[in-house]
Amino acid sequence: PFGFGLSYSEFRYGDLKITVNGMDAEVGFWVENMSEKDGKEVVQVYVSELSPAVYRPVKELKGYAKPEIKSGEKKRVIIKLNERSFAYYSVADDCWRVNDGAYRISVGSSSRDIRLSAVIKIENGKIV
């Protein structure tokens, strides 16, 4: 799968919080190294429009980070999203568009290993 990597460390994710301001969002969560070895984890944030009006991929990678986490340590990771993170390009209108509706924000170590998710709504050009 896309974004699949191997590690000698084992990581646990938790405490997903999404902070919004208009069309900007901060996706924050904890990543904890559960193993006896220090390690790095590539954490990825995906956006999915739940009822798209046009064809869109099921998951779209919109941000990532690679924190280094010592054995037994827990780190807070924040990945920022903006209006473009929710947009698609409309060929008919020759511009980027964001549809009102529900979007799933997913966090994981790969596209097939989603550990956390939450649903947000966009109404009238704002995340509510």
C-alpha atoms as a PDB file:
ATOM      1  CA  PRO A   1       0.000   0.000   0.000  1.00  0.00           C
ATOM      2  CA  PHE A   2       0.996   3.623  -0.427  1.00  0.00           C
ATOM      3  CA  GLY A   3       3.060   4.942   2.449  1.00  0.00           C
ATOM      4  CA  PHE A   4       3.937   1.484   3.797  1.00  0.00           C
ATOM      5  CA  GLY A   5       7.186   1.317   5.728  1.00  0.00           C
ATOM      6  CA  LEU A   6       8.955  -1.036   8.090  1.00  0.00           C
ATOM      7  CA  SER A   7      10.281  -0.202  11.539  1.00  0.00           C
ATOM      8  CA  TYR A   8      11.888  -1.919  14.490  1.00  0.00           C
ATOM      9  CA  SER A   9       9.664   0.187  16.729  1.00  0.00           C
ATOM     10  CA  GLU A  10       5.955  -0.150  17.473  1.00  0.00           C
ATOM     11  CA  PHE A  11       3.838   2.986  17.705  1.00  0.00           C
ATOM     12  CA  ARG A  12       0.431   3.719  19.191  1.00  0.00           C
ATOM     13  CA  TYR A  13      -1.731   6.691  18.176  1.00  0.00           C
ATOM     14  CA  GLY A  14      -4.336   8.470  20.297  1.00  0.00           C
ATOM     15  CA  ASP A  15      -6.228  11.576  21.356  1.00  0.00           C
ATOM     16  CA  LEU A  16      -7.223  12.973  17.945  1.00  0.00           C
ATOM     17  CA  LYS A  17      -8.278  16.629  18.161  1.00  0.00           C
ATOM     18  CA  ILE A  18      -9.165  18.848  15.221  1.00  0.00           C
ATOM     19  CA  THR A  19      -9.009  22.592  15.825  1.00  0.00           C
ATOM     20  CA  VAL A  20     -10.671  24.765  13.181  1.00  0.00           C
ATOM     21  CA  ASN A  21     -10.569  28.403  12.130  1.00  0.00           C
ATOM     22  CA  GLY A  22     -12.660  29.127   9.018  1.00  0.00           C
ATOM     23  CA  MET A  23     -11.274  26.749   6.388  1.00  0.00           C
ATOM     24  CA  ASP A  24      -8.019  26.061   8.250  1.00  0.00           C
ATOM     25  CA  ALA A  25      -7.692  23.027  10.499  1.00  0.00           C
ATOM     26  CA  GLU A  26      -5.003  21.650  12.780  1.00  0.00           C
ATOM     27  CA  VAL A  27      -5.072  17.883  13.126  1.00  0.00           C
ATOM     28  CA  GLY A  28      -3.412  17.030  16.446  1.00  0.00           C
ATOM     29  CA  PHE A  29      -2.776  13.603  17.994  1.00  0.00           C
ATOM     30  CA  TRP A  30      -0.335  11.685  20.177  1.00  0.00           C
ATOM     31  CA  VAL A  31       2.131   9.113  18.855  1.00  0.00           C
ATOM     32  CA  GLU A  32       3.703   6.861  21.474  1.00  0.00           C
ATOM     33  CA  ASN A  33       6.678   4.552  20.977  1.00  0.00           C
ATOM     34  CA  MET A  34       5.685   1.293  22.683  1.00  0.00           C
ATOM     35  CA  SER A  35       8.912  -0.576  21.926  1.00  0.00           C
ATOM     36  CA  GLU A  36      12.354  -0.780  23.498  1.00  0.00           C
ATOM     37  CA  LYS A  37      13.977   0.890  20.483  1.00  0.00           C
ATOM     38  CA  ASP A  38      14.012   4.554  19.522  1.00  0.00           C
ATOM     39  CA  GLY A  39      12.404   5.113  16.156  1.00  0.00           C
ATOM     40  CA  LYS A  40      10.857   7.371  13.554  1.00  0.00           C
ATOM     41  CA  GLU A  41       7.257   7.038  12.409  1.00  0.00           C
ATOM     42  CA  VAL A  42       5.815   8.497   9.214  1.00  0.00           C
ATOM     43  CA  VAL A  43       2.353   9.701  10.225  1.00  0.00           C
ATOM     44  CA  GLN A  44      -0.072  10.577   7.444  1.00  0.00           C
ATOM     45  CA  VAL A  45      -3.316  12.565   7.265  1.00  0.00           C
ATOM     46  CA  TYR A  46      -5.927  11.723   4.643  1.00  0.00           C
ATOM     47  CA  VAL A  47      -9.110  13.565   3.662  1.00  0.00           C
ATOM     48  CA  SER A  48     -12.177  11.826   2.196  1.00  0.00           C
ATOM     49  CA  GLU A  49     -15.323  13.566   0.986  1.00  0.00           C
ATOM     50  CA  LEU A  50     -18.117  11.256   2.181  1.00  0.00           C
ATOM     51  CA  SER A  51     -20.710  12.057  -0.528  1.00  0.00           C
ATOM     52  CA  PRO A  52     -18.773  13.576  -3.417  1.00  0.00           C
ATOM     53  CA  ALA A  53     -20.665  15.240  -6.267  1.00  0.00           C
ATOM     54  CA  VAL A  54     -17.824  14.327  -8.647  1.00  0.00           C
ATOM     55  CA  TYR A  55     -15.468  11.342  -8.793  1.00  0.00           C
ATOM     56  CA  ARG A  56     -12.741  11.634  -6.154  1.00  0.00           C
ATOM     57  CA  PRO A  57     -10.285   9.132  -4.689  1.00  0.00           C
ATOM     58  CA  VAL A  58     -11.511   7.355  -1.559  1.00  0.00           C
ATOM     59  CA  LYS A  59      -8.589   8.832   0.434  1.00  0.00           C
ATOM     60  CA  GLU A  60      -6.394  11.783  -0.514  1.00  0.00           C
ATOM     61  CA  LEU A  61      -3.057  12.280   1.277  1.00  0.00           C
ATOM     62  CA  LYS A  62      -3.034  15.874   2.557  1.00  0.00           C
ATOM     63  CA  GLY A  63      -0.206  15.995   5.077  1.00  0.00           C
ATOM     64  CA  TYR A  64       2.481  13.995   6.830  1.00  0.00           C
ATOM     65  CA  ALA A  65       5.230  14.238   9.424  1.00  0.00           C
ATOM     66  CA  LYS A  66       8.106  12.008  10.543  1.00  0.00           C
ATOM     67  CA  PRO A  67       8.715  12.524  14.254  1.00  0.00           C
ATOM     68  CA  GLU A  68      11.622  10.825  15.984  1.00  0.00           C
ATOM     69  CA  ILE A  69      10.335   9.244  19.190  1.00  0.00           C
ATOM     70  CA  LYS A  70      12.475   7.660  21.875  1.00  0.00           C
ATOM     71  CA  SER A  71      11.535   4.358  23.482  1.00  0.00           C
ATOM     72  CA  GLY A  72       8.584   4.837  25.842  1.00  0.00           C
ATOM     73  CA  GLU A  73       8.171   8.482  24.798  1.00  0.00           C
ATOM     74  CA  LYS A  74       4.958  10.126  23.604  1.00  0.00           C
ATOM     75  CA  LYS A  75       4.923  13.103  21.210  1.00  0.00           C
ATOM     76  CA  ARG A  76       2.141  15.416  20.108  1.00  0.00           C
ATOM     77  CA  VAL A  77       2.012  15.769  16.318  1.00  0.00           C
ATOM     78  CA  ILE A  78       0.151  18.597  14.574  1.00  0.00           C
ATOM     79  CA  ILE A  79      -0.499  18.610  10.835  1.00  0.00           C
ATOM     80  CA  LYS A  80      -2.098  21.691   9.303  1.00  0.00           C
ATOM     81  CA  LEU A  81      -4.779  21.589   6.628  1.00  0.00           C
ATOM     82  CA  ASN A  82      -6.138  24.505   4.608  1.00  0.00           C
ATOM     83  CA  GLU A  83      -8.939  25.113   2.115  1.00  0.00           C
ATOM     84  CA  ARG A  84      -6.982  23.413  -0.680  1.00  0.00           C
ATOM     85  CA  SER A  85      -6.877  20.230   1.436  1.00  0.00           C
ATOM     86  CA  PHE A  86     -10.617  19.798   0.836  1.00  0.00           C
ATOM     87  CA  ALA A  87     -10.726  21.052  -2.764  1.00  0.00           C
ATOM     88  CA  TYR A  88     -10.871  19.403  -6.168  1.00  0.00           C
ATOM     89  CA  TYR A  89     -10.197  20.953  -9.549  1.00  0.00           C
ATOM     90  CA  SER A  90     -13.324  21.499 -11.646  1.00  0.00           C
ATOM     91  CA  VAL A  91     -12.458  21.215 -15.331  1.00  0.00           C
ATOM     92  CA  ALA A  92     -15.918  22.527 -16.255  1.00  0.00           C
ATOM     93  CA  ASP A  93     -15.450  25.697 -14.170  1.00  0.00           C
ATOM     94  CA  ASP A  94     -11.655  25.947 -14.621  1.00  0.00           C
ATOM     95  CA  CYS A  95     -11.078  26.500 -10.882  1.00  0.00           C
ATOM     96  CA  TRP A  96     -10.679  24.773  -7.510  1.00  0.00           C
ATOM     97  CA  ARG A  97     -13.932  23.948  -5.669  1.00  0.00           C
ATOM     98  CA  VAL A  98     -14.835  22.847  -2.144  1.00  0.00           C
ATOM     99  CA  ASN A  99     -18.221  21.173  -1.746  1.00  0.00           C
ATOM    100  CA  ASP A 100     -20.343  21.603   1.353  1.00  0.00           C
ATOM    101  CA  GLY A 101     -20.823  18.319   3.187  1.00  0.00           C
ATOM    102  CA  ALA A 102     -19.127  15.771   5.430  1.00  0.00           C
ATOM    103  CA  TYR A 103     -15.434  14.910   5.211  1.00  0.00           C
ATOM    104  CA  ARG A 104     -13.540  12.187   7.064  1.00  0.00           C
ATOM    105  CA  ILE A 105     -10.101  13.096   8.436  1.00  0.00           C
ATOM    106  CA  SER A 106      -8.021   9.917   8.830  1.00  0.00           C
ATOM    107  CA  VAL A 107      -4.639   9.491  10.523  1.00  0.00           C
ATOM    108  CA  GLY A 108      -2.395   6.482  10.129  1.00  0.00           C
ATOM    109  CA  SER A 109       0.970   5.013   9.263  1.00  0.00           C
ATOM    110  CA  SER A 110      -0.152   4.162   5.706  1.00  0.00           C
ATOM    111  CA  SER A 111      -3.243   4.375   3.530  1.00  0.00           C
ATOM    112  CA  ARG A 112      -4.234   0.888   4.697  1.00  0.00           C
ATOM    113  CA  ASP A 113      -3.325   1.328   8.359  1.00  0.00           C
ATOM    114  CA  ILE A 114      -5.661   4.055   9.622  1.00  0.00           C
ATOM    115  CA  ARG A 115      -5.450   4.437  13.415  1.00  0.00           C
ATOM    116  CA  LEU A 116      -7.668   7.482  14.114  1.00  0.00           C
ATOM    117  CA  SER A 117     -10.477   9.268  12.295  1.00  0.00           C
ATOM    118  CA  ALA A 118     -13.103  11.952  12.761  1.00  0.00           C
ATOM    119  CA  VAL A 119     -15.789  13.519  10.587  1.00  0.00           C
ATOM    120  CA  ILE A 120     -16.029  17.263  10.027  1.00  0.00           C
ATOM    121  CA  LYS A 121     -18.612  19.252   8.082  1.00  0.00           C
ATOM    122  CA  ILE A 122     -18.140  22.142   5.701  1.00  0.00           C
ATOM    123  CA  GLU A 123     -21.018  24.599   5.342  1.00  0.00           C
ATOM    124  CA  ASN A 124     -20.968  27.882   3.430  1.00  0.00           C
ATOM    125  CA  GLY A 125     -17.203  27.820   3.014  1.00  0.00           C
ATOM    126  CA  LYS A 126     -16.383  27.103   6.679  1.00  0.00           C
ATOM    127  CA  ILE A 127     -15.610  24.029   8.728  1.00  0.00           C
ATOM    128  CA  VAL A 128     -18.312  23.688  11.383  1.00  0.00           C
END
